[in-house]
Amino acid sequence: IKVPYDIDRELEDENLNISGSFTETKIDGYLYVEVKENSGRINQFVILQSFENVFLITDKVLKTNDLVSITYYEAELYDPKLNKFITLKVATDIVKL
């Protein structure tokens, strides 16, 4: 039996998730969100597309140290400043815990 190709399922499989404390947003061409995991590791996520809860970031609803869960995928994007491709974490959802 041939199963039809399901792009949504493939994207779901590639989605990753982390939880931690919201630390700040930064603007450097795009909007970035920083989240610190319980281990102390700081992750940076770029906002490249709209999603259901993006208002938490764009409307500055989140406050420093709010607990959040971020769903994201990794993408190789070209950085003209560095003249090379870099791996960025692209946020696809954020939930305040």
Protein backbone atom coordinates (compact mmCIF):
# COMPACT_ATOMS: atom_id res chain seq x y z
CA ILE A 1 0.00 0.00 0.00
CA LYS A 2 1.38 3.37 -1.01
CA VAL A 3 0.93 6.06 1.63
CA PRO A 4 0.54 9.62 0.33
CA TYR A 5 3.36 11.98 1.19
CA ASP A 6 2.36 14.10 4.20
CA ILE A 7 4.45 17.27 4.52
CA ASP A 8 2.70 18.28 7.77
CA ARG A 9 3.69 15.03 9.42
CA GLU A 10 7.30 15.45 8.27
CA LEU A 11 7.38 18.96 9.74
CA GLU A 12 5.86 17.68 13.00
CA ASP A 13 8.62 15.09 13.24
CA GLU A 14 11.25 17.82 12.85
CA ASN A 15 9.73 20.09 15.52
CA LEU A 16 11.72 20.30 18.73
CA ASN A 17 10.68 21.67 22.10
CA ILE A 18 12.39 23.17 25.12
CA SER A 19 11.17 24.75 28.34
CA GLY A 20 12.83 27.38 30.46
CA SER A 21 12.77 30.98 31.64
CA PHE A 22 12.20 33.80 29.18
CA THR A 23 15.14 36.19 29.50
CA GLU A 24 14.79 38.82 26.75
CA THR A 25 14.04 39.74 23.17
CA LYS A 26 16.58 41.25 20.77
CA ILE A 27 16.28 42.85 17.36
CA ASP A 28 19.08 42.24 14.87
CA GLY A 29 17.40 42.36 11.48
CA TYR A 30 14.84 39.89 12.89
CA LEU A 31 13.25 39.48 16.30
CA TYR A 32 15.03 37.01 18.59
CA VAL A 33 13.85 35.46 21.86
CA GLU A 34 16.21 34.12 24.53
CA VAL A 35 15.21 31.31 26.87
CA LYS A 36 17.37 29.93 29.68
CA GLU A 37 16.94 26.24 30.47
CA ASN A 38 17.11 24.91 34.05
CA SER A 39 20.61 23.63 33.23
CA GLY A 40 21.72 27.23 32.63
CA ARG A 41 22.02 26.83 28.87
CA ILE A 42 20.78 29.89 26.96
CA ASN A 43 18.94 29.30 23.68
CA GLN A 44 18.17 31.93 21.06
CA PHE A 45 15.17 31.61 18.73
CA VAL A 46 14.38 33.72 15.68
CA ILE A 47 10.82 34.73 14.81
CA LEU A 48 10.47 34.32 11.04
CA GLN A 49 6.77 33.57 10.74
CA SER A 50 3.49 34.24 12.46
CA PHE A 51 2.04 31.64 14.84
CA GLU A 52 -0.88 31.45 17.27
CA ASN A 53 0.87 32.77 20.40
CA VAL A 54 3.37 35.14 18.77
CA PHE A 55 1.57 38.02 20.48
CA LEU A 56 3.24 36.94 23.75
CA ILE A 57 6.46 38.23 22.20
CA THR A 58 5.35 40.98 19.82
CA ASP A 59 3.00 42.59 22.37
CA LYS A 60 5.60 42.24 25.16
CA VAL A 61 3.28 40.10 27.33
CA LEU A 62 6.17 37.94 28.58
CA LYS A 63 8.18 39.26 31.49
CA THR A 64 11.74 38.32 32.46
CA ASN A 65 11.84 34.90 34.18
CA ASP A 66 8.36 33.82 32.98
CA LEU A 67 8.37 30.07 32.38
CA VAL A 68 7.76 29.18 28.74
CA SER A 69 7.79 26.24 26.38
CA ILE A 70 9.01 26.88 22.82
CA THR A 71 8.43 24.67 19.80
CA TYR A 72 10.95 25.19 17.04
CA TYR A 73 12.87 23.71 14.14
CA GLU A 74 16.45 24.22 13.03
CA ALA A 75 17.18 25.84 9.67
CA GLU A 76 20.36 26.65 7.76
CA LEU A 77 20.06 30.33 6.82
CA TYR A 78 22.55 32.51 5.00
CA ASP A 79 24.07 35.32 7.06
CA PRO A 80 25.46 38.00 4.72
CA LYS A 81 27.39 39.64 7.56
CA LEU A 82 29.32 36.42 8.14
CA ASN A 83 29.22 35.38 4.46
CA LYS A 84 28.18 31.84 5.38
CA PHE A 85 25.21 29.66 6.30
CA ILE A 86 24.42 29.35 9.99
CA THR A 87 22.02 27.08 11.89
CA LEU A 88 19.24 28.99 13.59
CA LYS A 89 16.41 27.81 15.83
CA VAL A 90 13.17 29.08 14.27
CA ALA A 91 10.27 29.41 16.74
CA THR A 92 6.94 27.97 15.63
CA ASP A 93 5.05 28.34 18.93
CA ILE A 94 5.50 29.63 22.45
CA VAL A 95 3.38 28.84 25.49
CA LYS A 96 3.52 30.57 28.88
CA LEU A 97 3.60 27.89 31.58
